[in-house]
Protein backbone atom coordinates (compact mmCIF):
# COMPACT_ATOMS: atom_id res chain seq x y z
CA MET A 1 68.13 83.21 24.95
CA ARG A 2 68.59 86.65 23.06
CA GLN A 3 67.65 90.08 23.49
CA ASN A 4 65.08 89.93 20.40
CA GLU A 5 63.46 86.98 21.91
CA LEU A 6 62.47 88.70 25.26
CA PHE A 7 58.84 89.91 25.25
CA PRO A 8 56.61 91.09 28.12
CA ALA A 9 54.11 88.96 29.75
CA PRO A 10 50.79 88.60 28.04
CA GLY A 11 48.53 91.31 29.43
CA SER A 12 50.84 93.34 31.07
CA LYS A 13 51.14 95.96 28.60
CA LYS A 14 48.03 98.14 27.45
CA ASN A 15 47.93 100.59 25.01
CA ARG A 16 46.95 104.09 26.19
CA LYS A 17 43.40 105.57 25.23
CA ARG A 18 43.95 108.20 22.80
CA VAL A 19 40.80 110.53 22.95
CA GLY A 20 39.77 113.42 20.70
CA ARG A 21 40.81 111.65 17.39
CA GLY A 22 37.91 111.00 15.51
CA ASP A 23 34.53 109.12 15.72
CA GLY A 24 36.06 106.26 13.84
CA SER A 25 38.31 105.76 16.99
CA GLY A 26 35.41 105.14 19.31
CA HIS A 27 36.69 108.06 21.50
CA GLY A 28 35.68 111.10 19.38
CA THR A 29 33.37 113.85 20.00
CA TYR A 30 32.87 114.16 23.91
CA SER A 31 36.16 112.13 24.46
CA GLY A 32 34.49 109.77 27.08
CA ARG A 33 33.64 112.71 29.11
CA GLY A 34 29.87 112.59 28.37
CA CYS A 35 27.93 115.73 27.41
CA LYS A 36 28.36 119.32 28.85
CA GLY A 37 28.43 120.04 32.65
CA GLN A 38 31.11 120.48 35.21
CA LYS A 39 32.91 117.27 34.63
CA SER A 40 33.14 117.56 31.06
CA ARG A 41 35.54 120.85 31.46
CA SER A 42 39.34 120.76 31.54
CA GLY A 43 40.63 121.44 35.12
CA ALA A 44 37.48 120.47 36.74
CA ARG A 45 38.45 118.85 40.23
CA MET A 46 35.98 118.54 43.15
CA THR A 47 36.79 118.28 46.74
CA ARG A 48 35.60 115.32 48.74
CA GLY A 49 32.22 115.79 50.01
CA PHE A 50 31.32 118.30 47.07
CA GLU A 51 27.67 118.22 46.21
CA GLY A 52 27.49 120.53 43.19
CA GLY A 53 27.43 123.80 45.07
CA GLN A 54 24.48 122.55 47.45
CA LEU A 55 25.75 123.01 51.24
CA PRO A 56 27.26 119.89 51.82
CA LEU A 57 26.22 117.10 54.23
CA ILE A 58 29.19 117.63 56.66
CA LYS A 59 28.18 121.52 57.01
CA ARG A 60 24.57 120.75 57.66
CA LEU A 61 25.27 118.59 60.30
CA PRO A 62 26.59 120.38 63.23
CA ARG A 63 27.43 117.41 65.41
CA LYS A 64 29.80 116.15 62.74
CA ARG A 65 31.85 119.37 62.62
CA GLY A 66 33.88 119.00 65.73
CA PHE A 67 35.43 121.84 67.60
CA VAL A 68 39.06 122.93 68.58
CA ASN A 69 39.74 124.59 71.75
CA ILE A 70 42.24 127.25 70.83
CA PHE A 71 43.17 128.02 74.37
CA ARG A 72 44.16 124.32 75.00
CA THR A 73 47.52 123.86 76.62
CA GLU A 74 49.84 121.19 74.83
CA TYR A 75 52.39 119.50 77.14
CA SER A 76 55.60 117.60 76.63
CA VAL A 77 54.75 114.60 78.17
CA VAL A 78 57.42 112.54 80.38
CA SER A 79 57.06 109.18 81.83
CA ILE A 80 58.31 108.56 85.34
CA ASN A 81 60.41 105.42 83.97
CA LYS A 82 62.44 107.96 81.91
CA LEU A 83 63.47 109.86 84.92
CA ASN A 84 65.65 106.80 85.85
CA VAL A 85 68.48 108.01 83.83
CA PHE A 86 69.20 110.54 86.67
CA GLU A 87 71.51 109.75 89.73
CA ALA A 88 69.62 109.22 93.10
CA GLY A 89 69.03 112.59 95.06
CA SER A 90 69.47 114.74 92.06
CA GLU A 91 67.39 117.73 90.86
CA VAL A 92 65.36 117.13 87.62
CA THR A 93 64.63 120.51 86.11
CA PRO A 94 63.16 121.20 82.46
CA GLU A 95 66.58 122.35 81.51
CA ARG A 96 68.11 118.96 82.58
CA LEU A 97 65.56 117.04 80.91
CA VAL A 98 66.41 118.80 77.59
CA ALA A 99 70.13 118.10 78.35
CA ALA A 100 69.50 114.41 78.68
CA GLY A 101 67.53 114.18 75.53
CA VAL A 102 64.24 113.15 77.56
CA VAL A 103 62.53 116.26 76.18
CA LYS A 104 62.99 117.82 72.76
CA SER A 105 62.55 121.26 73.67
CA LEU A 106 61.27 123.77 76.36
CA GLN A 107 58.69 125.30 73.85
CA ARG A 108 55.89 123.62 75.54
CA PRO A 109 55.28 123.04 79.33
CA ILE A 110 56.43 119.80 80.74
CA LYS A 111 54.15 117.06 82.37
CA ILE A 112 55.10 114.11 84.14
CA LEU A 113 52.74 110.90 84.05
CA ALA A 114 52.87 107.93 86.07
CA GLU A 115 53.72 105.60 83.44
CA GLY A 116 56.20 102.65 84.83
CA ASP A 117 58.34 103.07 88.20
CA ILE A 118 60.89 105.21 89.65
CA ALA A 119 63.76 103.37 91.41
CA HIS A 120 65.22 106.10 93.52
CA PRO A 121 64.36 109.55 95.33
CA LEU A 122 64.50 112.42 93.12
CA VAL A 123 63.58 116.22 93.51
CA VAL A 124 61.61 116.84 90.60
CA LYS A 125 60.43 120.22 88.95
CA ALA A 126 58.14 120.65 86.44
CA ASN A 127 54.96 122.43 85.03
CA LYS A 128 52.34 119.95 85.95
CA PHE A 129 52.05 116.26 87.39
CA SER A 130 49.49 113.51 87.29
CA ALA A 131 48.26 112.78 90.97
CA ALA A 132 49.65 108.94 90.43
CA ALA A 133 52.92 110.53 89.18
CA LYS A 134 53.33 112.69 92.26
CA ALA A 135 52.30 109.76 94.43
CA LYS A 136 54.82 107.34 92.91
CA ILE A 137 57.83 109.88 93.32
CA GLU A 138 57.04 110.66 96.93
CA ALA A 139 56.67 107.10 97.72
CA ALA A 140 60.25 106.60 96.45
CA GLY A 141 61.28 109.12 98.88
CA GLY A 142 61.41 112.20 96.37
CA THR A 143 59.84 115.40 96.44
CA VAL A 144 57.53 117.26 93.75
CA GLU A 145 57.61 120.89 92.89
CA GLU A 146 55.43 122.31 90.57
CA ILE A 147 56.89 125.47 88.74
CA GLY A 148 54.71 128.03 86.98
CA HIS A 149 54.13 128.34 83.39
CA ALA A 150 55.98 130.49 81.01
CA ALA A 151 54.02 132.65 78.61
CA LYS A 152 52.90 131.06 75.52
CA THR A 153 54.41 132.13 72.58
CA SER A 154 53.14 130.86 69.27
């Protein structure tokens, strides 16, 4: 087999459509864009849900628009089973959680959730605890201490 004997598979190569090259080409005059109107102009791009200037359906139905609570507190969530990296009887603070790599940063307040089990007693200090997490920590012989929220800076 030689290089000059190689050909692409039949049907894999198509010539591009050359528009605006006269009526004899079959794509002249309006160049496949129809006649007049917004979509026939160059640079015409419409967003999803655009209805030609009419108030879009998504804006007409209030139940579809949704709601964002701007006062919502976003927590860094820590599962109880991740606290097993600390030795028994030690104090777990937000700073120690960051140092251990359990939490990325102290930008958000920390909430402890009850996913998994805790093996030994710990003194856990965090901004918030779920009721089940509190119960599991205390059942393991540890103590829970809620610390106040720092002022939100964003």
